[in-house]
């Protein structure tokens, strides 16, 4: 019995407590402790201070749909991912867990700083 996004840790603890330790070891070694899409979506929502119902009304889906995304039962559509990236002010790659070492996070920068960096990059491209 392995913990999966579908069964969940709580379900396994309640129904198969002796397997929980082995499952945690499995998750850390095999999965590398990576967060699933659902876990990332839940963390982003909570960091923004939104309830599932509030997020659902913002992206025009049901609360159950948001719950299903966070429990990895379903994945949001591309259109919804774009809406979420705009709402959370992060890239869709970040939401999807794509790691790109050439990307720079500008989350903590002001609009003026972002504009300056954008102009600098354009200037460098012209000079090459």
N, C-alpha and C. Protein backbone atom coordinates (compact mmCIF):
# COMPACT_ATOMS: atom_id res chain seq x y z
N UNK A 1 0.86 -1.18 0.00
CA UNK A 1 0.00 0.00 0.00
C UNK A 1 0.90 1.22 0.00
N UNK A 2 0.84 2.01 -1.07
CA UNK A 2 1.61 3.24 -1.16
C UNK A 2 0.68 4.44 -1.07
N UNK A 3 1.19 5.49 -0.45
CA UNK A 3 0.43 6.72 -0.37
C UNK A 3 0.50 7.36 -1.75
N UNK A 4 -0.62 7.70 -2.28
CA UNK A 4 -0.67 8.40 -3.55
C UNK A 4 -1.51 9.64 -3.34
N UNK A 5 -1.51 10.56 -4.31
CA UNK A 5 -2.38 11.73 -4.16
C UNK A 5 -3.85 11.32 -4.02
N UNK A 6 -4.22 10.16 -4.58
CA UNK A 6 -5.62 9.74 -4.53
C UNK A 6 -5.99 9.20 -3.14
N UNK A 7 -5.07 8.44 -2.49
CA UNK A 7 -5.41 7.87 -1.19
C UNK A 7 -5.14 8.86 -0.07
N UNK A 8 -4.00 9.54 -0.15
CA UNK A 8 -3.67 10.54 0.86
C UNK A 8 -3.11 9.94 2.14
N UNK A 9 -2.31 10.72 2.83
CA UNK A 9 -1.65 10.27 4.05
C UNK A 9 -2.64 9.96 5.15
N UNK A 10 -3.64 10.82 5.36
CA UNK A 10 -4.60 10.60 6.44
C UNK A 10 -5.35 9.29 6.24
N UNK A 11 -5.79 9.00 5.03
CA UNK A 11 -6.50 7.76 4.74
C UNK A 11 -5.62 6.56 5.08
N UNK A 12 -4.34 6.63 4.68
CA UNK A 12 -3.42 5.52 4.95
C UNK A 12 -3.17 5.35 6.45
N UNK A 13 -3.06 6.46 7.17
CA UNK A 13 -2.86 6.37 8.62
C UNK A 13 -4.04 5.67 9.27
N UNK A 14 -5.25 6.04 8.85
CA UNK A 14 -6.45 5.47 9.44
C UNK A 14 -6.67 4.01 9.07
N UNK A 15 -6.34 3.64 7.83
CA UNK A 15 -6.64 2.29 7.36
C UNK A 15 -5.45 1.33 7.39
N UNK A 16 -4.25 1.85 7.29
CA UNK A 16 -3.07 0.99 7.27
C UNK A 16 -1.92 1.64 8.03
N UNK A 17 -2.05 1.82 9.34
CA UNK A 17 -1.03 2.57 10.09
C UNK A 17 0.37 1.97 10.00
N UNK A 18 0.49 0.64 9.87
CA UNK A 18 1.83 0.05 9.85
C UNK A 18 2.60 0.35 8.57
N UNK A 19 1.90 0.79 7.52
CA UNK A 19 2.57 1.10 6.27
C UNK A 19 3.01 2.56 6.16
N UNK A 20 2.56 3.38 7.08
CA UNK A 20 2.80 4.83 6.97
C UNK A 20 4.29 5.14 6.96
N UNK A 21 5.05 4.55 7.86
CA UNK A 21 6.48 4.81 7.93
C UNK A 21 7.15 4.48 6.61
N UNK A 22 6.84 3.31 6.05
CA UNK A 22 7.44 2.89 4.79
C UNK A 22 7.04 3.81 3.64
N UNK A 23 5.82 4.29 3.69
CA UNK A 23 5.35 5.20 2.65
C UNK A 23 6.07 6.54 2.70
N UNK A 24 6.32 7.03 3.91
CA UNK A 24 7.04 8.30 4.03
C UNK A 24 8.45 8.14 3.48
N UNK A 25 9.10 7.04 3.81
CA UNK A 25 10.44 6.76 3.27
C UNK A 25 10.37 6.69 1.75
N UNK A 26 9.36 6.01 1.21
CA UNK A 26 9.18 5.90 -0.24
C UNK A 26 9.02 7.28 -0.87
N UNK A 27 8.21 8.12 -0.26
CA UNK A 27 7.96 9.46 -0.82
C UNK A 27 9.23 10.29 -0.84
N UNK A 28 10.03 10.20 0.22
CA UNK A 28 11.25 11.00 0.30
C UNK A 28 12.30 10.49 -0.68
N UNK A 29 12.48 9.17 -0.76
CA UNK A 29 13.53 8.61 -1.61
C UNK A 29 13.13 8.63 -3.08
N UNK A 30 11.98 8.07 -3.41
CA UNK A 30 11.58 7.92 -4.80
C UNK A 30 11.07 9.22 -5.39
N UNK A 31 10.22 9.91 -4.67
CA UNK A 31 9.63 11.13 -5.20
C UNK A 31 10.52 12.34 -4.93
N UNK A 32 11.54 12.17 -4.12
CA UNK A 32 12.44 13.26 -3.83
C UNK A 32 11.79 14.39 -3.05
N UNK A 33 10.69 14.10 -2.39
CA UNK A 33 10.01 15.11 -1.62
C UNK A 33 9.37 16.19 -2.48
N UNK A 34 9.19 15.92 -3.78
CA UNK A 34 8.60 16.92 -4.67
C UNK A 34 7.13 17.10 -4.37
N UNK A 35 6.68 18.34 -4.51
CA UNK A 35 5.26 18.63 -4.30
C UNK A 35 4.50 18.33 -5.58
N UNK A 36 3.32 17.78 -5.42
CA UNK A 36 2.45 17.56 -6.57
C UNK A 36 1.85 18.88 -7.01
N UNK A 37 1.23 18.90 -8.17
CA UNK A 37 0.56 20.10 -8.65
C UNK A 37 -0.50 20.53 -7.64
N UNK A 38 -1.26 19.58 -7.14
CA UNK A 38 -2.30 19.90 -6.16
C UNK A 38 -1.74 20.55 -4.91
N UNK A 39 -0.62 20.05 -4.44
CA UNK A 39 0.00 20.62 -3.24
C UNK A 39 0.48 22.04 -3.51
N UNK A 40 1.06 22.26 -4.70
CA UNK A 40 1.51 23.62 -5.05
C UNK A 40 0.32 24.57 -5.14
N UNK A 41 -0.78 24.10 -5.76
CA UNK A 41 -1.97 24.95 -5.87
C UNK A 41 -2.52 25.31 -4.50
N UNK A 42 -2.54 24.34 -3.60
CA UNK A 42 -3.05 24.60 -2.25
C UNK A 42 -2.14 25.60 -1.52
N UNK A 43 -0.83 25.43 -1.63
CA UNK A 43 0.11 26.35 -0.97
C UNK A 43 -0.05 27.77 -1.51
N UNK A 44 -0.18 27.90 -2.82
CA UNK A 44 -0.35 29.23 -3.42
C UNK A 44 -1.62 29.89 -2.94
N UNK A 45 -2.71 29.12 -2.91
CA UNK A 45 -4.00 29.67 -2.47
C UNK A 45 -3.90 30.12 -1.02
N UNK A 46 -3.32 29.28 -0.17
CA UNK A 46 -3.21 29.61 1.25
C UNK A 46 -2.30 30.80 1.48
N UNK A 47 -1.20 30.88 0.71
CA UNK A 47 -0.28 32.01 0.83
C UNK A 47 -0.98 33.32 0.47
N UNK A 48 -1.91 33.25 -0.45
CA UNK A 48 -2.68 34.44 -0.86
C UNK A 48 -3.80 34.73 0.13
N UNK A 49 -4.05 33.82 1.07
CA UNK A 49 -5.07 34.03 2.09
C UNK A 49 -6.49 33.81 1.58
N UNK A 50 -6.63 32.92 0.59
CA UNK A 50 -7.95 32.66 0.01
C UNK A 50 -8.49 31.31 0.47
N UNK A 51 -9.80 31.24 0.63
CA UNK A 51 -10.44 29.96 0.86
C UNK A 51 -10.68 29.31 -0.49
N UNK A 52 -11.00 28.01 -0.48
CA UNK A 52 -11.31 27.33 -1.74
C UNK A 52 -12.51 27.99 -2.42
N UNK A 53 -13.50 28.39 -1.64
CA UNK A 53 -14.70 29.02 -2.20
C UNK A 53 -14.37 30.37 -2.82
N UNK A 54 -13.50 31.15 -2.17
CA UNK A 54 -13.13 32.45 -2.71
C UNK A 54 -12.38 32.30 -4.03
N UNK A 55 -11.43 31.37 -4.07
CA UNK A 55 -10.69 31.13 -5.31
C UNK A 55 -11.64 30.66 -6.41
N UNK A 56 -12.54 29.75 -6.04
CA UNK A 56 -13.49 29.22 -7.02
C UNK A 56 -14.30 30.33 -7.67
N UNK A 57 -14.77 31.27 -6.88
CA UNK A 57 -15.57 32.36 -7.44
C UNK A 57 -14.72 33.28 -8.31
N UNK A 58 -13.43 33.41 -8.00
CA UNK A 58 -12.55 34.28 -8.78
C UNK A 58 -12.26 33.71 -10.17
N UNK A 59 -12.15 32.39 -10.26
CA UNK A 59 -11.83 31.76 -11.55
C UNK A 59 -13.06 31.08 -12.17
N UNK A 60 -14.21 31.31 -11.55
CA UNK A 60 -15.53 30.85 -12.04
C UNK A 60 -15.58 29.33 -12.23
N UNK A 61 -15.29 28.63 -11.13
CA UNK A 61 -15.48 27.18 -11.04
C UNK A 61 -16.13 26.90 -9.69
N UNK A 62 -16.50 25.65 -9.45
CA UNK A 62 -17.09 25.31 -8.16
C UNK A 62 -15.99 25.10 -7.11
N UNK A 63 -16.37 25.18 -5.85
CA UNK A 63 -15.42 24.91 -4.76
C UNK A 63 -14.94 23.47 -4.85
N UNK A 64 -15.83 22.57 -5.26
CA UNK A 64 -15.46 21.15 -5.41
C UNK A 64 -14.36 20.98 -6.46
N UNK A 65 -14.41 21.79 -7.51
CA UNK A 65 -13.37 21.71 -8.54
C UNK A 65 -12.02 22.10 -7.96
N UNK A 66 -11.99 23.18 -7.19
CA UNK A 66 -10.74 23.60 -6.54
C UNK A 66 -10.25 22.49 -5.62
N UNK A 67 -11.15 21.92 -4.86
CA UNK A 67 -10.80 20.81 -3.95
C UNK A 67 -10.21 19.64 -4.75
N UNK A 68 -10.82 19.32 -5.89
CA UNK A 68 -10.32 18.23 -6.73
C UNK A 68 -8.93 18.53 -7.28
N UNK A 69 -8.67 19.79 -7.65
CA UNK A 69 -7.32 20.15 -8.10
C UNK A 69 -6.32 19.93 -6.99
N UNK A 70 -6.66 20.40 -5.79
CA UNK A 70 -5.72 20.33 -4.67
C UNK A 70 -5.51 18.90 -4.18
N UNK A 71 -6.46 18.03 -4.44
CA UNK A 71 -6.31 16.62 -4.08
C UNK A 71 -5.81 15.78 -5.24
N UNK A 72 -5.36 16.43 -6.31
CA UNK A 72 -4.81 15.77 -7.49
C UNK A 72 -5.77 14.80 -8.16
N UNK A 73 -7.07 15.08 -8.05
CA UNK A 73 -8.04 14.27 -8.77
C UNK A 73 -8.16 14.73 -10.22
N UNK A 74 -8.06 16.05 -10.42
CA UNK A 74 -8.12 16.65 -11.74
C UNK A 74 -7.09 17.76 -11.81
N UNK A 75 -6.74 18.14 -13.04
CA UNK A 75 -5.82 19.26 -13.23
C UNK A 75 -6.56 20.41 -13.88
N UNK A 76 -6.21 21.64 -13.51
CA UNK A 76 -6.87 22.79 -14.13
C UNK A 76 -6.50 22.88 -15.61
N UNK A 77 -7.39 23.47 -16.39
CA UNK A 77 -7.14 23.66 -17.82
C UNK A 77 -6.03 24.68 -18.02
N UNK A 78 -5.53 24.76 -19.23
CA UNK A 78 -4.50 25.76 -19.56
C UNK A 78 -4.99 27.17 -19.29
N UNK A 79 -6.24 27.42 -19.63
CA UNK A 79 -6.80 28.76 -19.42
C UNK A 79 -6.83 29.11 -17.93
N UNK A 80 -7.23 28.14 -17.12
CA UNK A 80 -7.27 28.37 -15.67
C UNK A 80 -5.86 28.55 -15.12
N UNK A 81 -4.88 27.79 -15.62
CA UNK A 81 -3.49 27.96 -15.17
C UNK A 81 -3.00 29.37 -15.45
N UNK A 82 -3.36 29.91 -16.60
CA UNK A 82 -2.97 31.29 -16.92
C UNK A 82 -3.64 32.26 -15.95
N UNK A 83 -4.93 32.05 -15.67
CA UNK A 83 -5.62 32.90 -14.70
C UNK A 83 -4.96 32.83 -13.33
N UNK A 84 -4.60 31.62 -12.91
CA UNK A 84 -3.96 31.44 -11.60
C UNK A 84 -2.59 32.11 -11.58
N UNK A 85 -1.85 32.01 -12.67
CA UNK A 85 -0.53 32.64 -12.70
C UNK A 85 -0.66 34.16 -12.60
N UNK A 86 -1.69 34.72 -13.23
CA UNK A 86 -1.92 36.17 -13.11
C UNK A 86 -2.35 36.53 -11.69
N UNK A 87 -3.22 35.73 -11.11
CA UNK A 87 -3.70 35.98 -9.76
C UNK A 87 -2.56 35.92 -8.74
N UNK A 88 -1.72 34.89 -8.84
CA UNK A 88 -0.64 34.70 -7.88
C UNK A 88 0.63 35.44 -8.28
N UNK A 89 0.64 36.05 -9.46
CA UNK A 89 1.77 36.79 -9.98
C UNK A 89 3.05 35.96 -10.05
N UNK A 90 2.90 34.74 -10.58
CA UNK A 90 4.03 33.86 -10.83
C UNK A 90 3.83 33.23 -12.21
N UNK A 91 4.85 32.61 -12.74
CA UNK A 91 4.75 32.00 -14.06
C UNK A 91 3.96 30.69 -14.00
N UNK A 92 3.42 30.30 -15.13
CA UNK A 92 2.74 29.00 -15.20
C UNK A 92 3.76 27.89 -14.96
N UNK A 93 5.01 28.09 -15.39
CA UNK A 93 6.05 27.11 -15.13
C UNK A 93 6.22 26.88 -13.63
N UNK A 94 6.19 27.95 -12.86
CA UNK A 94 6.32 27.82 -11.41
C UNK A 94 5.16 27.03 -10.83
N UNK A 95 3.95 27.31 -11.31
CA UNK A 95 2.79 26.57 -10.83
C UNK A 95 2.94 25.09 -11.15
N UNK A 96 3.44 24.79 -12.35
CA UNK A 96 3.59 23.40 -12.80
C UNK A 96 4.81 22.71 -12.21
N UNK A 97 5.66 23.47 -11.52
CA UNK A 97 6.84 22.87 -10.89
C UNK A 97 8.03 22.73 -11.81
N UNK A 98 8.02 23.47 -12.94
CA UNK A 98 9.13 23.42 -13.88
C UNK A 98 10.27 24.26 -13.34
N UNK A 99 11.41 23.68 -13.26
CA UNK A 99 12.59 24.40 -12.78
C UNK A 99 13.43 24.81 -13.98
N UNK A 100 13.64 26.10 -14.15
CA UNK A 100 14.46 26.61 -15.23
C UNK A 100 15.53 27.50 -14.62
N UNK A 101 16.78 27.03 -14.61
CA UNK A 101 17.83 27.81 -13.96
C UNK A 101 18.09 29.15 -14.62
N UNK A 102 17.63 29.35 -15.86
CA UNK A 102 17.86 30.62 -16.54
C UNK A 102 16.79 31.65 -16.19
N UNK A 103 15.77 31.22 -15.49
CA UNK A 103 14.72 32.16 -15.09
C UNK A 103 15.09 32.85 -13.78
N UNK A 104 14.73 34.08 -13.67
CA UNK A 104 15.00 34.85 -12.46
C UNK A 104 13.66 35.26 -11.86
N UNK A 105 13.48 34.99 -10.59
CA UNK A 105 12.26 35.39 -9.92
C UNK A 105 12.31 36.88 -9.62
N UNK A 106 11.25 37.58 -10.02
CA UNK A 106 11.17 39.02 -9.78
C UNK A 106 10.06 39.35 -8.81
N UNK A 107 9.67 38.35 -8.03
CA UNK A 107 8.56 38.52 -7.09
C UNK A 107 8.74 39.69 -6.12
N UNK A 108 9.95 39.91 -5.66
CA UNK A 108 10.19 40.93 -4.64
C UNK A 108 10.59 42.28 -5.21
N UNK A 109 10.59 42.41 -6.56
CA UNK A 109 11.02 43.66 -7.18
C UNK A 109 9.85 44.60 -7.41
N UNK A 110 10.15 45.88 -7.44
CA UNK A 110 9.12 46.87 -7.75
C UNK A 110 8.92 46.91 -9.27
N UNK A 111 7.85 47.56 -9.70
CA UNK A 111 7.59 47.70 -11.14
C UNK A 111 8.71 48.48 -11.83
N UNK A 112 9.24 49.49 -11.17
CA UNK A 112 10.35 50.26 -11.75
C UNK A 112 11.59 49.38 -11.93
N UNK A 113 11.88 48.55 -10.94
CA UNK A 113 13.03 47.66 -11.05
C UNK A 113 12.85 46.64 -12.18
N UNK A 114 11.64 46.12 -12.31
CA UNK A 114 11.35 45.16 -13.38
C UNK A 114 11.50 45.84 -14.74
N UNK A 115 11.01 47.06 -14.87
CA UNK A 115 11.14 47.81 -16.12
C UNK A 115 12.61 48.05 -16.45
N UNK A 116 13.41 48.39 -15.46
CA UNK A 116 14.84 48.62 -15.66
C UNK A 116 15.52 47.35 -16.17
N UNK A 117 15.22 46.21 -15.55
CA UNK A 117 15.81 44.94 -15.96
C UNK A 117 15.38 44.59 -17.38
N UNK A 118 14.11 44.81 -17.70
CA UNK A 118 13.60 44.53 -19.04
C UNK A 118 14.35 45.37 -20.08
N UNK A 119 14.54 46.65 -19.80
CA UNK A 119 15.28 47.52 -20.72
C UNK A 119 16.72 47.07 -20.85
N UNK A 120 17.33 46.66 -19.76
CA UNK A 120 18.72 46.18 -19.79
C UNK A 120 18.84 44.94 -20.67
N UNK A 121 17.91 44.00 -20.53
CA UNK A 121 17.93 42.78 -21.34
C UNK A 121 17.77 43.12 -22.82
N UNK A 122 16.83 44.00 -23.15
CA UNK A 122 16.63 44.41 -24.55
C UNK A 122 17.88 45.07 -25.10
N UNK A 123 18.52 45.90 -24.30
CA UNK A 123 19.75 46.56 -24.72
C UNK A 123 20.86 45.54 -24.99
N UNK A 124 20.99 44.56 -24.13
CA UNK A 124 22.00 43.51 -24.32
C UNK A 124 21.73 42.69 -25.57
N UNK A 125 20.44 42.41 -25.85
CA UNK A 125 20.11 41.65 -27.06
C UNK A 125 20.47 42.44 -28.31
N UNK A 126 20.24 43.74 -28.28
CA UNK A 126 20.59 44.60 -29.43
C UNK A 126 22.08 44.58 -29.69
N UNK A 127 22.88 44.62 -28.63
CA UNK A 127 24.33 44.69 -28.76
C UNK A 127 24.96 43.37 -29.20
N UNK A 128 24.25 42.30 -29.08
CA UNK A 128 24.82 40.99 -29.50
C UNK A 128 24.56 40.81 -30.92
